PDB file of N, CA and C in Angstrom:
ATOM      1  N   UNK A   1      12.661  14.370  87.534  1.00  0.00           N
ATOM      2  CA  UNK A   1      11.714  13.620  87.059  1.00  0.00           C
ATOM      3  C   UNK A   1      11.367  12.470  87.761  1.00  0.00           C
ATOM      4  N   UNK A   2       9.928  12.109  88.351  1.00  0.00           N
ATOM      5  CA  UNK A   2       9.832  11.138  88.920  1.00  0.00           C
ATOM      6  C   UNK A   2       8.626  10.029  88.300  1.00  0.00           C
ATOM      7  N   UNK A   3       8.240   8.871  88.725  1.00  0.00           N
ATOM      8  CA  UNK A   3       7.351   8.125  88.074  1.00  0.00           C
ATOM      9  C   UNK A   3       6.222   8.255  89.113  1.00  0.00           C
ATOM     10  N   UNK A   4       5.190   7.265  88.634  1.00  0.00           N
ATOM     11  CA  UNK A   4       3.726   7.492  89.525  1.00  0.00           C
ATOM     12  C   UNK A   4       4.382   7.153  90.969  1.00  0.00           C
ATOM     13  N   UNK A   5       5.032   6.237  91.101  1.00  0.00           N
ATOM     14  CA  UNK A   5       5.429   5.636  92.419  1.00  0.00           C
ATOM     15  C   UNK A   5       6.192   6.843  93.304  1.00  0.00           C
ATOM     16  N   UNK A   6       6.727   7.795  92.648  1.00  0.00           N
ATOM     17  CA  UNK A   6       7.367   8.665  93.469  1.00  0.00           C
ATOM     18  C   UNK A   6       9.195   8.280  93.210  1.00  0.00           C
ATOM     19  N   UNK A   7       9.507   7.590  92.505  1.00  0.00           N
ATOM     20  CA  UNK A   7      10.932   7.052  92.206  1.00  0.00           C
ATOM     21  C   UNK A   7      11.219   8.143  91.027  1.00  0.00           C
ATOM     22  N   UNK A   8      12.777   8.660  91.783  1.00  0.00           N
ATOM     23  CA  UNK A   8      13.379   9.259  90.695  1.00  0.00           C
ATOM     24  C   UNK A   8      13.610   8.702  89.373  1.00  0.00           C
ATOM     25  N   UNK A   9      13.744   9.365  88.224  1.00  0.00           N
ATOM     26  CA  UNK A   9      13.838   8.431  87.239  1.00  0.00           C
ATOM     27  C   UNK A   9      15.183   9.111  86.285  1.00  0.00           C
ATOM     28  N   UNK A  10      15.554  10.189  86.686  1.00  0.00           N
ATOM     29  CA  UNK A  10      16.747  10.760  86.022  1.00  0.00           C
ATOM     30  C   UNK A  10      17.336  11.921  86.799  1.00  0.00           C
ATOM     31  N   UNK A  11      18.478  11.854  87.001  1.00  0.00           N
ATOM     32  CA  UNK A  11      19.718  12.714  87.981  1.00  0.00           C
ATOM     33  C   UNK A  11      20.454  13.218  86.599  1.00  0.00           C
ATOM     34  N   UNK A  12      20.950  14.736  86.769  1.00  0.00           N
ATOM     35  CA  UNK A  12      21.527  15.553  86.048  1.00  0.00           C
ATOM     36  C   UNK A  12      22.511  16.455  87.042  1.00  0.00           C
ATOM     37  N   UNK A  13      23.845  16.171  86.700  1.00  0.00           N
ATOM     38  CA  UNK A  13      24.571  17.100  87.809  1.00  0.00           C
ATOM     39  C   UNK A  13      25.592  17.717  86.864  1.00  0.00           C
ATOM     40  N   UNK A  14      25.937  18.864  87.444  1.00  0.00           N
ATOM     41  CA  UNK A  14      27.008  19.523  86.665  1.00  0.00           C
ATOM     42  C   UNK A  14      28.424  19.658  87.704  1.00  0.00           C
ATOM     43  N   UNK A  15      29.156  18.629  87.574  1.00  0.00           N
ATOM     44  CA  UNK A  15      30.416  18.456  88.308  1.00  0.00           C
ATOM     45  C   UNK A  15      31.586  19.074  88.006  1.00  0.00           C
ATOM     46  N   UNK A  16      31.581  20.210  87.295  1.00  0.00           N
ATOM     47  CA  UNK A  16      32.631  21.003  86.903  1.00  0.00           C
ATOM     48  C   UNK A  16      33.645  21.997  87.816  1.00  0.00           C
ATOM     49  N   UNK A  17      32.671  22.468  88.586  1.00  0.00           N
ATOM     50  CA  UNK A  17      33.437  22.706  89.899  1.00  0.00           C
ATOM     51  C   UNK A  17      34.093  22.119  90.849  1.00  0.00           C
ATOM     52  N   UNK A  18      33.443  21.262  91.276  1.00  0.00           N
ATOM     53  CA  UNK A  18      34.156  20.049  92.144  1.00  0.00           C
ATOM     54  C   UNK A  18      35.171  19.390  91.275  1.00  0.00           C
ATOM     55  N   UNK A  19      35.437  19.015  90.136  1.00  0.00           N
ATOM     56  CA  UNK A  19      36.183  18.380  89.392  1.00  0.00           C
ATOM     57  C   UNK A  19      37.651  19.382  89.199  1.00  0.00           C
ATOM     58  N   UNK A  20      36.858  20.723  89.252  1.00  0.00           N
ATOM     59  CA  UNK A  20      38.243  21.673  88.933  1.00  0.00           C
ATOM     60  C   UNK A  20      39.016  21.788  90.342  1.00  0.00           C
ATOM     61  N   UNK A  21      38.477  21.773  91.553  1.00  0.00           N
ATOM     62  CA  UNK A  21      39.077  21.555  92.965  1.00  0.00           C
ATOM     63  C   UNK A  21      39.667  20.574  92.638  1.00  0.00           C
ATOM     64  N   UNK A  22      39.240  19.364  92.561  1.00  0.00           N
ATOM     65  CA  UNK A  22      40.310  18.093  92.632  1.00  0.00           C
ATOM     66  C   UNK A  22      41.437  18.181  91.766  1.00  0.00           C
ATOM     67  N   UNK A  23      41.395  18.729  90.695  1.00  0.00           N
ATOM     68  CA  UNK A  23      42.540  18.880  89.594  1.00  0.00           C
ATOM     69  C   UNK A  23      43.424  19.713  90.403  1.00  0.00           C
ATOM     70  N   UNK A  24      42.746  21.005  90.894  1.00  0.00           N
ATOM     71  CA  UNK A  24      43.759  21.911  91.525  1.00  0.00           C
ATOM     72  C   UNK A  24      44.457  21.443  92.938  1.00  0.00           C
ATOM     73  N   UNK A  25      43.755  20.743  93.732  1.00  0.00           N
ATOM     74  CA  UNK A  25      44.569  20.056  94.600  1.00  0.00           C
ATOM     75  C   UNK A  25      45.652  19.199  94.449  1.00  0.00           C
ATOM     76  N   UNK A  26      45.162  18.257  93.452  1.00  0.00           N
ATOM     77  CA  UNK A  26      45.997  17.120  92.638  1.00  0.00           C
ATOM     78  C   UNK A  26      47.347  17.813  92.007  1.00  0.00           C
ATOM     79  N   UNK A  27      47.154  18.830  91.421  1.00  0.00           N
ATOM     80  CA  UNK A  27      48.364  19.638  90.746  1.00  0.00           C
ATOM     81  C   UNK A  27      49.070  20.409  92.034  1.00  0.00           C
ATOM     82  N   UNK A  28      48.430  20.729  93.086  1.00  0.00           N
ATOM     83  CA  UNK A  28      49.426  21.408  94.274  1.00  0.00           C
ATOM     84  C   UNK A  28      50.178  20.458  94.620  1.00  0.00           C
ATOM     85  N   UNK A  29      49.764  19.174  94.691  1.00  0.00           N
ATOM     86  CA  UNK A  29      50.309  17.919  95.624  1.00  0.00           C
ATOM     87  C   UNK A  29      51.529  17.642  94.874  1.00  0.00           C
ATOM     88  N   UNK A  30      51.573  17.777  93.479  1.00  0.00           N
ATOM     89  CA  UNK A  30      52.566  17.319  92.575  1.00  0.00           C
ATOM     90  C   UNK A  30      53.827  18.598  92.731  1.00  0.00           C
ATOM     91  N   UNK A  31      53.394  19.523  93.208  1.00  0.00           N
ATOM     92  CA  UNK A  31      54.458  20.808  92.900  1.00  0.00           C
ATOM     93  C   UNK A  31      53.866  21.867  91.885  1.00  0.00           C
ATOM     94  N   UNK A  32      52.666  21.691  91.317  1.00  0.00           N
ATOM     95  CA  UNK A  32      52.535  22.694  90.696  1.00  0.00           C
ATOM     96  C   UNK A  32      51.782  23.890  91.267  1.00  0.00           C
ATOM     97  N   UNK A  33      52.408  25.027  90.656  1.00  0.00           N
ATOM     98  CA  UNK A  33      52.127  26.733  91.429  1.00  0.00           C
ATOM     99  C   UNK A  33      51.176  27.155  90.144  1.00  0.00           C
ATOM    100  N   UNK A  34      50.598  28.365  90.786  1.00  0.00           N
ATOM    101  CA  UNK A  34      49.768  28.808  89.930  1.00  0.00           C
ATOM    102  C   UNK A  34      50.673  29.858  88.650  1.00  0.00           C
ATOM    103  N   UNK A  35      51.783  29.753  88.848  1.00  0.00           N
ATOM    104  CA  UNK A  35      52.759  30.312  87.702  1.00  0.00           C
ATOM    105  C   UNK A  35      52.741  29.360  86.533  1.00  0.00           C
ATOM    106  N   UNK A  36      52.700  27.885  86.852  1.00  0.00           N
ATOM    107  CA  UNK A  36      52.819  27.171  85.971  1.00  0.00           C
ATOM    108  C   UNK A  36      51.708  26.899  84.890  1.00  0.00           C
ATOM    109  N   UNK A  37      51.952  26.347  84.076  1.00  0.00           N
ATOM    110  CA  UNK A  37      50.549  26.004  83.134  1.00  0.00           C
ATOM    111  C   UNK A  37      49.739  25.175  83.668  1.00  0.00           C
ATOM    112  N   UNK A  38      48.343  25.558  83.625  1.00  0.00           N
ATOM    113  CA  UNK A  38      47.177  25.030  84.781  1.00  0.00           C
ATOM    114  C   UNK A  38      46.544  24.103  83.852  1.00  0.00           C
ATOM    115  N   UNK A  39      45.826  23.267  84.222  1.00  0.00           N
ATOM    116  CA  UNK A  39      44.894  21.971  83.917  1.00  0.00           C
ATOM    117  C   UNK A  39      43.388  22.811  84.175  1.00  0.00           C
ATOM    118  N   UNK A  40      42.798  23.117  83.273  1.00  0.00           N
ATOM    119  CA  UNK A  40      41.337  23.593  83.198  1.00  0.00           C
ATOM    120  C   UNK A  40      40.044  22.490  83.208  1.00  0.00           C
ATOM    121  N   UNK A  41      39.030  22.364  83.844  1.00  0.00           N
ATOM    122  CA  UNK A  41      38.190  21.498  83.407  1.00  0.00           C
ATOM    123  C   UNK A  41      37.111  22.462  82.683  1.00  0.00           C
ATOM    124  N   UNK A  42      36.627  22.028  81.720  1.00  0.00           N
ATOM    125  CA  UNK A  42      35.731  22.958  80.900  1.00  0.00           C
ATOM    126  C   UNK A  42      34.261  22.748  81.230  1.00  0.00           C
ATOM    127  N   UNK A  43      34.093  21.487  81.401  1.00  0.00           N
ATOM    128  CA  UNK A  43      32.970  20.961  81.644  1.00  0.00           C
ATOM    129  C   UNK A  43      32.833  19.459  82.273  1.00  0.00           C
ATOM    130  N   UNK A  44      32.044  19.282  83.045  1.00  0.00           N
ATOM    131  CA  UNK A  44      32.123  17.456  83.639  1.00  0.00           C
ATOM    132  C   UNK A  44      30.547  17.545  83.994  1.00  0.00           C
ATOM    133  N   UNK A  45      29.621  16.695  83.229  1.00  0.00           N
ATOM    134  CA  UNK A  45      28.227  16.485  83.649  1.00  0.00           C
ATOM    135  C   UNK A  45      28.092  15.104  83.845  1.00  0.00           C
ATOM    136  N   UNK A  46      27.046  14.683  84.622  1.00  0.00           N
ATOM    137  CA  UNK A  46      26.745  13.312  84.484  1.00  0.00           C
ATOM    138  C   UNK A  46      25.129  13.306  84.354  1.00  0.00           C
ATOM    139  N   UNK A  47      24.574  12.373  83.537  1.00  0.00           N
ATOM    140  CA  UNK A  47      23.073  12.138  83.581  1.00  0.00           C
ATOM    141  C   UNK A  47      22.868  10.528  83.619  1.00  0.00           C
ATOM    142  N   UNK A  48      21.972  10.401  84.577  1.00  0.00           N
ATOM    143  CA  UNK A  48      21.661   8.790  85.104  1.00  0.00           C
ATOM    144  C   UNK A  48      20.301   8.667  84.915  1.00  0.00           C
ATOM    145  N   UNK A  49      20.209   7.715  83.852  1.00  0.00           N
ATOM    146  CA  UNK A  49      18.516   7.333  83.965  1.00  0.00           C
ATOM    147  C   UNK A  49      18.190   6.035  84.720  1.00  0.00           C
ATOM    148  N   UNK A  50      17.216   5.857  85.416  1.00  0.00           N
ATOM    149  CA  UNK A  50      17.008   4.628  86.390  1.00  0.00           C
ATOM    150  C   UNK A  50      15.711   3.977  85.707  1.00  0.00           C
ATOM    151  N   UNK A  51      15.970   2.673  85.984  1.00  0.00           N
ATOM    152  CA  UNK A  51      14.664   1.832  85.244  1.00  0.00           C
ATOM    153  C   UNK A  51      14.864   0.515  85.946  1.00  0.00           C
ATOM    154  N   UNK A  52      13.779  -0.117  85.905  1.00  0.00           N
ATOM    155  CA  UNK A  52      13.476  -1.631  86.396  1.00  0.00           C
ATOM    156  C   UNK A  52      13.682  -1.432  87.725  1.00  0.00           C
ATOM    157  N   UNK A  53      13.008  -0.800  88.512  1.00  0.00           N
ATOM    158  CA  UNK A  53      13.000  -1.024  90.356  1.00  0.00           C
ATOM    159  C   UNK A  53      12.485  -2.063  90.583  1.00  0.00           C
ATOM    160  N   UNK A  54      12.952  -2.752  91.424  1.00  0.00           N
ATOM    161  CA  UNK A  54      12.585  -3.983  92.067  1.00  0.00           C
ATOM    162  C   UNK A  54      12.827  -5.004  91.018  1.00  0.00           C
ATOM    163  N   UNK A  55      13.475  -4.833  90.194  1.00  0.00           N
ATOM    164  CA  UNK A  55      13.732  -6.085  89.367  1.00  0.00           C
ATOM    165  C   UNK A  55      15.130  -6.862  89.513  1.00  0.00           C
ATOM    166  N   UNK A  56      15.617  -6.946  90.678  1.00  0.00           N
ATOM    167  CA  UNK A  56      16.630  -7.684  91.046  1.00  0.00           C
ATOM    168  C   UNK A  56      16.285  -8.755  91.591  1.00  0.00           C
ATOM    169  N   UNK A  57      16.796  -9.829  91.111  1.00  0.00           N
ATOM    170  CA  UNK A  57      16.394 -11.347  91.191  1.00  0.00           C
ATOM    171  C   UNK A  57      17.316 -11.507  92.730  1.00  0.00           C
ATOM    172  N   UNK A  58      17.281 -12.729  93.012  1.00  0.00           N
ATOM    173  CA  UNK A  58      17.641 -13.304  94.388  1.00  0.00           C
ATOM    174  C   UNK A  58      19.134 -13.081  94.485  1.00  0.00           C
ATOM    175  N   UNK A  59      19.463 -12.510  95.464  1.00  0.00           N
ATOM    176  CA  UNK A  59      20.942 -12.389  95.877  1.00  0.00           C
ATOM    177  C   UNK A  59      21.423 -13.070  96.810  1.00  0.00           C
ATOM    178  N   UNK A  60      22.671 -13.702  96.224  1.00  0.00           N
ATOM    179  CA  UNK A  60      23.186 -14.705  96.905  1.00  0.00           C
ATOM    180  C   UNK A  60      24.457 -14.309  97.866  1.00  0.00           C
ATOM    181  N   UNK A  61      24.468 -14.465  98.919  1.00  0.00           N
ATOM    182  CA  UNK A  61      25.856 -14.002  99.686  1.00  0.00           C
ATOM    183  C   UNK A  61      26.771 -15.229  99.876  1.00  0.00           C
ATOM    184  N   UNK A  62      28.079 -14.741  99.148  1.00  0.00           N
ATOM    185  CA  UNK A  62      28.850 -15.892  99.222  1.00  0.00           C
ATOM    186  C   UNK A  62      29.613 -16.368 100.893  1.00  0.00           C
ATOM    187  N   UNK A  63      29.783 -17.417 100.539  1.00  0.00           N
ATOM    188  CA  UNK A  63      30.096 -18.329 101.997  1.00  0.00           C
ATOM    189  C   UNK A  63      31.428 -17.317 102.588  1.00  0.00           C
ATOM    190  N   UNK A  64      32.323 -16.859 101.961  1.00  0.00           N
ATOM    191  CA  UNK A  64      33.494 -16.147 102.312  1.00  0.00           C
ATOM    192  C   UNK A  64      33.153 -14.715 103.123  1.00  0.00           C
ATOM    193  N   UNK A  65      31.899 -14.325 102.332  1.00  0.00           N
ATOM    194  CA  UNK A  65      31.324 -13.182 103.082  1.00  0.00           C
ATOM    195  C   UNK A  65      30.327 -13.547 104.231  1.00  0.00           C
ATOM    196  N   UNK A  66      29.619 -14.578 104.470  1.00  0.00           N
ATOM    197  CA  UNK A  66      29.039 -14.883 105.546  1.00  0.00           C
ATOM    198  C   UNK A  66      30.018 -15.008 106.922  1.00  0.00           C
ATOM    199  N   UNK A  67      30.987 -15.915 106.473  1.00  0.00           N
ATOM    200  CA  UNK A  67      32.492 -16.134 107.578  1.00  0.00           C
ATOM    201  C   UNK A  67      33.224 -15.179 107.725  1.00  0.00           C
ATOM    202  N   UNK A  68      33.422 -13.879 107.477  1.00  0.00           N
ATOM    203  CA  UNK A  68      34.375 -13.136 107.566  1.00  0.00           C
ATOM    204  C   UNK A  68      34.359 -12.481 109.029  1.00  0.00           C
ATOM    205  N   UNK A  69      35.315 -12.050 109.318  1.00  0.00           N
ATOM    206  CA  UNK A  69      35.602 -11.519 110.490  1.00  0.00           C
ATOM    207  C   UNK A  69      34.911  -9.938 110.678  1.00  0.00           C
ATOM    208  N   UNK A  70      34.169  -9.720 111.738  1.00  0.00           N
ATOM    209  CA  UNK A  70      33.630  -8.644 111.531  1.00  0.00           C
ATOM    210  C   UNK A  70      34.779  -7.401 112.464  1.00  0.00           C
ATOM    211  N   UNK A  71      34.958  -6.561 111.800  1.00  0.00           N
ATOM    212  CA  UNK A  71      35.841  -5.321 112.359  1.00  0.00           C
ATOM    213  C   UNK A  71      35.371  -4.294 112.942  1.00  0.00           C
ATOM    214  N   UNK A  72      35.699  -4.011 114.122  1.00  0.00           N
ATOM    215  CA  UNK A  72      35.102  -2.761 114.685  1.00  0.00           C
ATOM    216  C   UNK A  72      36.170  -1.837 114.504  1.00  0.00           C
ATOM    217  N   UNK A  73      35.742  -0.750 113.464  1.00  0.00           N
ATOM    218  CA  UNK A  73      36.545   0.200 113.006  1.00  0.00           C
ATOM    219  C   UNK A  73      35.915   1.490 113.813  1.00  0.00           C
ATOM    220  N   UNK A  74      35.265   1.694 114.658  1.00  0.00           N
ATOM    221  CA  UNK A  74      34.674   2.783 115.166  1.00  0.00           C
ATOM    222  C   UNK A  74      35.393   3.185 116.535  1.00  0.00           C
ATOM    223  N   UNK A  75      35.946   1.995 116.799  1.00  0.00           N
ATOM    224  CA  UNK A  75      36.863   2.493 118.237  1.00  0.00           C
ATOM    225  C   UNK A  75      38.105   2.322 118.335  1.00  0.00           C
TER     226      UNK A  75
END
């Protein structure tokens, strides 16, 4: 769903499969096997409604952030 300006107003996502994969990996990492009792994700959904676009007031950057050392993590 979008508004007249083209902004998306509502997101809905089914995260069930992704969450099940995460649980399976986590259970495997702690030594659980397929023969052990398993944890099953029945449903994991998210719904997000967006509003008040461009309603943010002035953002002040803290001095600590302005004076922080820049790290080059790419190299």
